[in-house]
């Protein structure tokens, strides 16, 4: 249903397997071309642990090198992230920002937000309730407020 709400199609989409076995983690990447640049929607699925964080960091570096200027990290399908690896993920997001542009984390459940808080990384996030709101053709300008 979420994809039906969008009024535009992605220019490209691909699925990444971030870790094998149970519980496993994967991501779907959609690249949206806009007049002001490329936006990547990266939807996380499953349970993020050390291997998945490492592969996710490599994917973010690759997106930055391919001209993506904005990143929406959609966590609405993410079930768990090992809080010990949250700082590594946030560092990868920061590296993307320094190389390419802005990042926004969308769809954090209260549980996931608590894990980011436990890891001491919640203040470093720019959060938005839903990626769909930001992907509407009209704009990609979140308030810029950090998580509180």
N, C-alpha and C. Protein backbone atom coordinates (compact mmCIF):
# COMPACT_ATOMS: atom_id res chain seq x y z
N UNK A 1 0.82 -1.19 0.00
CA UNK A 1 0.00 0.00 0.00
C UNK A 1 0.86 1.25 0.00
N UNK A 2 1.99 1.22 0.66
CA UNK A 2 2.84 2.38 0.75
C UNK A 2 3.32 2.83 -0.63
N UNK A 3 3.69 1.91 -1.47
CA UNK A 3 4.17 2.28 -2.80
C UNK A 3 3.06 2.84 -3.68
N UNK A 4 1.83 2.45 -3.42
CA UNK A 4 0.71 2.97 -4.21
C UNK A 4 0.45 4.43 -3.91
N UNK A 5 0.83 4.91 -2.72
CA UNK A 5 0.57 6.28 -2.34
C UNK A 5 1.46 7.26 -3.08
N UNK A 6 2.57 6.82 -3.59
CA UNK A 6 3.49 7.71 -4.29
C UNK A 6 2.95 8.03 -5.67
N UNK A 7 3.22 9.24 -6.11
CA UNK A 7 2.73 9.67 -7.41
C UNK A 7 3.78 9.52 -8.50
N UNK A 8 4.99 9.18 -8.14
CA UNK A 8 6.04 9.02 -9.14
C UNK A 8 6.70 7.67 -8.99
N UNK A 9 7.36 7.25 -10.03
CA UNK A 9 8.08 5.97 -10.00
C UNK A 9 9.55 6.23 -9.78
N UNK A 10 10.19 5.27 -9.16
CA UNK A 10 11.64 5.36 -8.96
C UNK A 10 12.34 5.17 -10.29
N UNK A 11 13.46 5.88 -10.47
CA UNK A 11 14.25 5.72 -11.68
C UNK A 11 14.95 4.37 -11.69
N UNK A 12 15.28 3.87 -10.49
CA UNK A 12 15.95 2.59 -10.35
C UNK A 12 15.66 2.05 -8.97
N UNK A 13 15.56 0.73 -8.86
CA UNK A 13 15.37 0.08 -7.56
C UNK A 13 16.16 -1.21 -7.54
N UNK A 14 16.72 -1.53 -6.37
CA UNK A 14 17.41 -2.80 -6.21
C UNK A 14 17.29 -3.27 -4.77
N UNK A 15 17.44 -4.57 -4.60
CA UNK A 15 17.36 -5.18 -3.28
C UNK A 15 18.75 -5.66 -2.88
N UNK A 16 19.10 -5.42 -1.63
CA UNK A 16 20.39 -5.83 -1.09
C UNK A 16 20.18 -6.82 0.04
N UNK A 17 20.93 -7.88 0.05
CA UNK A 17 20.93 -8.79 1.18
C UNK A 17 22.09 -8.36 2.08
N UNK A 18 21.76 -7.91 3.29
CA UNK A 18 22.78 -7.39 4.19
C UNK A 18 23.36 -8.47 5.10
N UNK A 19 22.58 -9.49 5.40
CA UNK A 19 23.09 -10.62 6.18
C UNK A 19 22.26 -11.85 5.86
N UNK A 20 22.87 -13.02 6.03
CA UNK A 20 22.24 -14.29 5.69
C UNK A 20 21.60 -14.92 6.92
N UNK A 21 20.75 -15.89 6.67
CA UNK A 21 20.18 -16.69 7.75
C UNK A 21 19.14 -15.95 8.56
N UNK A 22 18.84 -16.55 9.69
CA UNK A 22 17.86 -15.95 10.58
C UNK A 22 18.53 -15.12 11.63
N UNK A 23 18.02 -14.02 12.02
CA UNK A 23 16.84 -13.40 11.45
C UNK A 23 17.12 -12.69 10.14
N UNK A 24 18.33 -12.28 9.88
CA UNK A 24 18.68 -11.70 8.59
C UNK A 24 18.26 -10.25 8.43
N UNK A 25 18.91 -9.60 7.48
CA UNK A 25 18.61 -8.20 7.19
C UNK A 25 18.72 -7.97 5.69
N UNK A 26 17.89 -7.08 5.21
CA UNK A 26 17.94 -6.71 3.80
C UNK A 26 17.58 -5.24 3.67
N UNK A 27 17.77 -4.73 2.48
CA UNK A 27 17.43 -3.34 2.20
C UNK A 27 16.93 -3.24 0.77
N UNK A 28 16.03 -2.33 0.56
CA UNK A 28 15.57 -1.98 -0.78
C UNK A 28 16.01 -0.55 -1.03
N UNK A 29 16.66 -0.33 -2.14
CA UNK A 29 17.14 1.00 -2.50
C UNK A 29 16.37 1.47 -3.73
N UNK A 30 15.79 2.64 -3.64
CA UNK A 30 15.13 3.28 -4.78
C UNK A 30 15.82 4.61 -5.03
N UNK A 31 16.17 4.86 -6.26
CA UNK A 31 16.78 6.13 -6.65
C UNK A 31 15.71 6.95 -7.36
N UNK A 32 15.49 8.15 -6.87
CA UNK A 32 14.51 9.07 -7.47
C UNK A 32 15.26 10.27 -8.04
N UNK A 33 15.04 10.53 -9.31
CA UNK A 33 15.66 11.68 -9.97
C UNK A 33 14.78 12.89 -9.77
N UNK A 34 15.36 13.97 -9.30
CA UNK A 34 14.66 15.23 -9.09
C UNK A 34 15.46 16.35 -9.75
N UNK A 35 14.81 17.46 -10.04
CA UNK A 35 15.56 18.58 -10.63
C UNK A 35 16.72 19.05 -9.74
N UNK A 36 16.56 18.90 -8.43
CA UNK A 36 17.61 19.36 -7.51
C UNK A 36 18.59 18.26 -7.11
N UNK A 37 18.50 17.07 -7.73
CA UNK A 37 19.46 16.02 -7.45
C UNK A 37 18.82 14.65 -7.30
N UNK A 38 19.65 13.67 -7.01
CA UNK A 38 19.17 12.29 -6.81
C UNK A 38 18.88 12.05 -5.34
N UNK A 39 17.74 11.42 -5.11
CA UNK A 39 17.34 11.03 -3.76
C UNK A 39 17.32 9.52 -3.70
N UNK A 40 17.92 8.96 -2.66
CA UNK A 40 17.88 7.52 -2.45
C UNK A 40 16.99 7.23 -1.25
N UNK A 41 16.01 6.38 -1.47
CA UNK A 41 15.21 5.84 -0.38
C UNK A 41 15.78 4.47 -0.07
N UNK A 42 16.27 4.29 1.14
CA UNK A 42 16.86 3.02 1.55
C UNK A 42 15.99 2.46 2.68
N UNK A 43 15.19 1.44 2.35
CA UNK A 43 14.30 0.81 3.32
C UNK A 43 15.01 -0.37 3.96
N UNK A 44 15.15 -0.35 5.27
CA UNK A 44 15.77 -1.45 5.99
C UNK A 44 14.72 -2.45 6.45
N UNK A 45 15.07 -3.73 6.38
CA UNK A 45 14.18 -4.81 6.79
C UNK A 45 14.94 -5.78 7.69
N UNK A 46 14.27 -6.33 8.68
CA UNK A 46 14.85 -7.40 9.48
C UNK A 46 15.59 -6.93 10.71
N UNK A 47 16.70 -7.62 11.01
CA UNK A 47 17.51 -7.40 12.20
C UNK A 47 18.91 -6.98 11.77
N UNK A 48 19.34 -5.81 12.18
CA UNK A 48 20.65 -5.29 11.80
C UNK A 48 21.66 -5.65 12.89
N UNK A 49 22.71 -6.36 12.47
CA UNK A 49 23.81 -6.71 13.37
C UNK A 49 25.12 -6.32 12.69
N UNK A 50 26.25 -6.77 13.20
CA UNK A 50 27.57 -6.30 12.75
C UNK A 50 27.79 -6.42 11.24
N UNK A 51 27.53 -7.59 10.67
CA UNK A 51 27.76 -7.79 9.23
C UNK A 51 26.87 -6.86 8.42
N UNK A 52 25.62 -6.73 8.81
CA UNK A 52 24.68 -5.87 8.08
C UNK A 52 25.10 -4.41 8.17
N UNK A 53 25.58 -3.96 9.33
CA UNK A 53 26.02 -2.57 9.47
C UNK A 53 27.22 -2.32 8.56
N UNK A 54 28.15 -3.26 8.49
CA UNK A 54 29.31 -3.11 7.62
C UNK A 54 28.88 -3.01 6.15
N UNK A 55 28.00 -3.89 5.72
CA UNK A 55 27.53 -3.87 4.32
C UNK A 55 26.70 -2.64 4.02
N UNK A 56 25.94 -2.20 5.00
CA UNK A 56 25.14 -0.98 4.84
C UNK A 56 26.05 0.23 4.68
N UNK A 57 27.12 0.29 5.45
CA UNK A 57 28.09 1.38 5.31
C UNK A 57 28.70 1.40 3.92
N UNK A 58 29.04 0.24 3.40
CA UNK A 58 29.59 0.16 2.03
C UNK A 58 28.56 0.62 1.00
N UNK A 59 27.30 0.27 1.20
CA UNK A 59 26.24 0.71 0.28
C UNK A 59 26.07 2.22 0.33
N UNK A 60 26.16 2.81 1.50
CA UNK A 60 26.05 4.27 1.62
C UNK A 60 27.21 4.96 0.92
N UNK A 61 28.42 4.42 1.07
CA UNK A 61 29.58 4.98 0.37
C UNK A 61 29.39 4.90 -1.14
N UNK A 62 28.83 3.79 -1.61
CA UNK A 62 28.60 3.61 -3.03
C UNK A 62 27.56 4.61 -3.54
N UNK A 63 26.48 4.81 -2.78
CA UNK A 63 25.46 5.78 -3.18
C UNK A 63 26.06 7.18 -3.29
N UNK A 64 26.89 7.55 -2.33
CA UNK A 64 27.52 8.88 -2.36
C UNK A 64 28.40 9.03 -3.59
N UNK A 65 29.12 7.97 -3.94
CA UNK A 65 30.02 8.05 -5.10
C UNK A 65 29.25 8.05 -6.42
N UNK A 66 28.00 7.68 -6.40
CA UNK A 66 27.18 7.64 -7.62
C UNK A 66 26.26 8.85 -7.77
N UNK A 67 26.52 9.90 -7.02
CA UNK A 67 25.80 11.15 -7.24
C UNK A 67 24.51 11.32 -6.46
N UNK A 68 24.24 10.47 -5.48
CA UNK A 68 23.05 10.66 -4.64
C UNK A 68 23.34 11.82 -3.70
N UNK A 69 22.42 12.79 -3.66
CA UNK A 69 22.62 13.97 -2.82
C UNK A 69 21.77 13.98 -1.56
N UNK A 70 20.73 13.18 -1.53
CA UNK A 70 19.86 13.11 -0.35
C UNK A 70 19.56 11.64 -0.07
N UNK A 71 19.56 11.28 1.22
CA UNK A 71 19.28 9.91 1.63
C UNK A 71 18.13 9.89 2.62
N UNK A 72 17.14 9.08 2.33
CA UNK A 72 16.06 8.80 3.26
C UNK A 72 16.26 7.37 3.76
N UNK A 73 16.57 7.22 5.02
CA UNK A 73 16.76 5.90 5.61
C UNK A 73 15.45 5.53 6.29
N UNK A 74 14.68 4.66 5.65
CA UNK A 74 13.35 4.27 6.14
C UNK A 74 13.49 3.05 7.04
N UNK A 75 13.20 3.24 8.32
CA UNK A 75 13.31 2.17 9.32
C UNK A 75 11.95 1.59 9.71
N UNK A 76 10.92 1.91 8.95
CA UNK A 76 9.58 1.46 9.33
C UNK A 76 9.40 -0.05 9.26
N UNK A 77 10.28 -0.75 8.51
CA UNK A 77 10.22 -2.21 8.41
C UNK A 77 11.35 -2.88 9.19
N UNK A 78 12.13 -2.09 9.89
CA UNK A 78 13.24 -2.62 10.67
C UNK A 78 12.71 -3.12 12.01
N UNK A 79 13.07 -4.36 12.36
CA UNK A 79 12.57 -4.95 13.61
C UNK A 79 13.52 -4.72 14.77
N UNK A 80 14.84 -4.73 14.50
CA UNK A 80 15.81 -4.61 15.58
C UNK A 80 17.16 -4.18 15.02
N UNK A 81 17.91 -3.45 15.83
CA UNK A 81 19.31 -3.16 15.53
C UNK A 81 20.08 -3.34 16.82
N UNK A 82 21.18 -4.05 16.75
CA UNK A 82 22.02 -4.26 17.92
C UNK A 82 22.58 -2.90 18.33
N UNK A 83 22.23 -2.44 19.52
CA UNK A 83 22.59 -1.09 19.94
C UNK A 83 24.11 -0.87 19.95
N UNK A 84 24.89 -1.93 20.08
CA UNK A 84 26.34 -1.80 20.07
C UNK A 84 26.86 -1.36 18.71
N UNK A 85 26.07 -1.56 17.65
CA UNK A 85 26.50 -1.21 16.30
C UNK A 85 25.84 0.07 15.79
N UNK A 86 24.98 0.67 16.60
CA UNK A 86 24.34 1.93 16.21
C UNK A 86 25.38 3.02 15.95
N UNK A 87 26.41 3.20 16.80
CA UNK A 87 27.40 4.25 16.51
C UNK A 87 28.09 4.07 15.15
N UNK A 88 28.33 2.84 14.75
CA UNK A 88 28.94 2.59 13.44
C UNK A 88 28.00 3.00 12.32
N UNK A 89 26.72 2.67 12.47
CA UNK A 89 25.73 3.08 11.47
C UNK A 89 25.63 4.60 11.39
N UNK A 90 25.55 5.25 12.53
CA UNK A 90 25.44 6.71 12.55
C UNK A 90 26.70 7.35 11.96
N UNK A 91 27.87 6.76 12.21
CA UNK A 91 29.10 7.26 11.59
C UNK A 91 29.04 7.13 10.07
N UNK A 92 28.48 6.03 9.57
CA UNK A 92 28.32 5.85 8.12
C UNK A 92 27.37 6.90 7.55
N UNK A 93 26.31 7.21 8.28
CA UNK A 93 25.38 8.26 7.84
C UNK A 93 26.10 9.62 7.80
N UNK A 94 26.91 9.88 8.81
CA UNK A 94 27.67 11.12 8.84
C UNK A 94 28.67 11.21 7.70
N UNK A 95 29.30 10.09 7.37
CA UNK A 95 30.24 10.05 6.25
C UNK A 95 29.50 10.35 4.94
N UNK A 96 28.29 9.79 4.78
CA UNK A 96 27.49 10.08 3.60
C UNK A 96 27.19 11.58 3.53
N UNK A 97 26.76 12.14 4.66
CA UNK A 97 26.43 13.57 4.69
C UNK A 97 27.62 14.43 4.30
N UNK A 98 28.79 14.09 4.80
CA UNK A 98 29.97 14.91 4.51
C UNK A 98 30.40 14.80 3.05
N UNK A 99 30.11 13.67 2.40
CA UNK A 99 30.50 13.48 1.01
C UNK A 99 29.43 13.91 0.02
N UNK A 100 28.15 13.71 0.37
CA UNK A 100 27.11 13.83 -0.65
C UNK A 100 26.03 14.86 -0.33
N UNK A 101 25.53 14.88 0.86
CA UNK A 101 24.42 15.77 1.15
C UNK A 101 23.73 15.40 2.43
N UNK A 102 22.41 15.52 2.46
CA UNK A 102 21.65 15.33 3.68
C UNK A 102 21.12 13.93 3.88
N UNK A 103 20.88 13.59 5.13
CA UNK A 103 20.25 12.33 5.48
C UNK A 103 19.10 12.60 6.43
N UNK A 104 18.06 11.81 6.27
CA UNK A 104 16.91 11.86 7.16
C UNK A 104 16.55 10.42 7.50
N UNK A 105 16.33 10.15 8.78
CA UNK A 105 15.91 8.83 9.23
C UNK A 105 14.40 8.89 9.44
N UNK A 106 13.69 7.98 8.80
CA UNK A 106 12.22 7.98 8.84
C UNK A 106 11.71 6.69 9.47
N UNK A 107 10.54 6.77 10.08
CA UNK A 107 9.83 5.59 10.53
C UNK A 107 10.43 4.89 11.74
N UNK A 108 11.13 5.59 12.61
CA UNK A 108 11.68 4.95 13.80
C UNK A 108 10.55 4.67 14.79
N UNK A 109 10.42 3.42 15.17
CA UNK A 109 9.46 3.06 16.21
C UNK A 109 9.99 3.54 17.56
N UNK A 110 9.14 3.62 18.57
CA UNK A 110 9.64 3.98 19.90
C UNK A 110 10.74 3.02 20.38
N UNK A 111 10.61 1.73 20.06
CA UNK A 111 11.62 0.75 20.43
C UNK A 111 12.96 1.07 19.78
N UNK A 112 12.97 1.32 18.46
CA UNK A 112 14.21 1.63 17.76
C UNK A 112 14.80 2.95 18.24
N UNK A 113 13.95 3.92 18.48
CA UNK A 113 14.43 5.21 18.99
C UNK A 113 15.13 5.01 20.33
N UNK A 114 14.58 4.13 21.17
CA UNK A 114 15.22 3.83 22.46
C UNK A 114 16.59 3.19 22.26
N UNK A 115 16.74 2.34 21.25
CA UNK A 115 18.04 1.72 20.99
C UNK A 115 19.06 2.77 20.55
N UNK A 116 18.65 3.72 19.72
CA UNK A 116 19.54 4.80 19.32
C UNK A 116 19.88 5.67 20.53
N UNK A 117 18.91 5.91 21.39
CA UNK A 117 19.14 6.69 22.60
C UNK A 117 20.11 5.96 23.53
N UNK A 118 19.92 4.65 23.70
CA UNK A 118 20.80 3.83 24.55
C UNK A 118 22.25 3.88 24.05
N UNK A 119 22.41 3.92 22.74
CA UNK A 119 23.75 3.98 22.15
C UNK A 119 24.33 5.40 22.18
N UNK A 120 23.54 6.37 22.64
CA UNK A 120 24.00 7.75 22.71
C UNK A 120 24.01 8.47 21.38
N UNK A 121 23.26 7.97 20.41
CA UNK A 121 23.31 8.53 19.05
C UNK A 121 22.04 9.26 18.62
N UNK A 122 21.01 9.23 19.43
CA UNK A 122 19.76 9.85 18.99
C UNK A 122 19.90 11.34 18.66
N UNK A 123 20.68 12.12 19.43
CA UNK A 123 20.80 13.54 19.09
C UNK A 123 21.46 13.80 17.72
N UNK A 124 22.16 12.81 17.19
CA UNK A 124 22.85 12.97 15.91
C UNK A 124 21.94 12.72 14.71
N UNK A 125 20.69 12.34 14.96
CA UNK A 125 19.78 11.98 13.87
C UNK A 125 18.87 13.14 13.50
N UNK A 126 18.58 13.24 12.22
CA UNK A 126 17.53 14.13 11.73
C UNK A 126 16.38 13.19 11.38
N UNK A 127 15.27 13.28 12.13
CA UNK A 127 14.18 12.31 11.99
C UNK A 127 12.95 12.95 11.37
N UNK A 128 12.18 12.11 10.71
CA UNK A 128 10.91 12.49 10.10
C UNK A 128 9.99 11.29 10.24
N UNK A 129 8.70 11.50 10.47
CA UNK A 129 7.81 10.36 10.70
C UNK A 129 7.72 9.38 9.54
N UNK A 130 7.66 9.88 8.30
CA UNK A 130 7.40 8.99 7.17
C UNK A 130 8.18 9.42 5.93
N UNK A 131 8.75 8.44 5.25
CA UNK A 131 9.45 8.72 4.00
C UNK A 131 8.49 9.17 2.91
N UNK A 132 7.26 8.67 2.94
CA UNK A 132 6.28 9.04 1.91
C UNK A 132 6.06 10.54 1.87
N UNK A 133 6.01 11.17 3.03
CA UNK A 133 5.79 12.61 3.07
C UNK A 133 6.93 13.35 2.39
N UNK A 134 8.14 12.85 2.54
CA UNK A 134 9.30 13.52 1.96
C UNK A 134 9.48 13.23 0.49
N UNK A 135 8.92 12.13 0.02
CA UNK A 135 9.08 11.78 -1.40
C UNK A 135 8.01 12.38 -2.29
N UNK A 136 7.08 13.08 -1.72
CA UNK A 136 6.10 13.76 -2.57
C UNK A 136 6.84 14.70 -3.50
N UNK A 137 6.38 14.83 -4.72
CA UNK A 137 7.12 15.63 -5.70
C UNK A 137 7.36 17.09 -5.30
N UNK A 138 6.59 17.63 -4.39
CA UNK A 138 6.70 19.05 -4.10
C UNK A 138 8.01 19.47 -3.46
N UNK A 139 8.56 18.65 -2.54
CA UNK A 139 9.80 19.08 -1.89
C UNK A 139 10.48 17.95 -1.13
N UNK A 140 11.68 18.25 -0.72
CA UNK A 140 12.44 17.37 0.17
C UNK A 140 13.11 18.27 1.19
N UNK A 141 12.33 18.96 1.98
CA UNK A 141 12.87 19.89 2.95
C UNK A 141 12.30 19.63 4.33
N UNK A 142 12.84 18.66 5.08
CA UNK A 142 12.40 18.49 6.44
C UNK A 142 12.81 19.69 7.27
N UNK A 143 12.25 19.80 8.43
CA UNK A 143 12.49 20.96 9.27
C UNK A 143 13.95 21.13 9.64
N UNK A 144 14.73 20.05 9.53
CA UNK A 144 16.13 20.14 9.88
C UNK A 144 16.39 19.97 11.35
N UNK A 145 15.34 19.77 12.12
CA UNK A 145 15.50 19.59 13.56
C UNK A 145 16.10 18.23 13.85
N UNK A 146 16.93 18.22 14.84
CA UNK A 146 17.50 16.96 15.30
C UNK A 146 16.49 16.27 16.21
N UNK A 147 16.66 14.97 16.41
CA UNK A 147 15.76 14.20 17.27
C UNK A 147 15.77 14.77 18.68
N UNK A 148 14.61 14.71 19.31
CA UNK A 148 14.55 15.18 20.70
C UNK A 148 13.98 14.13 21.61
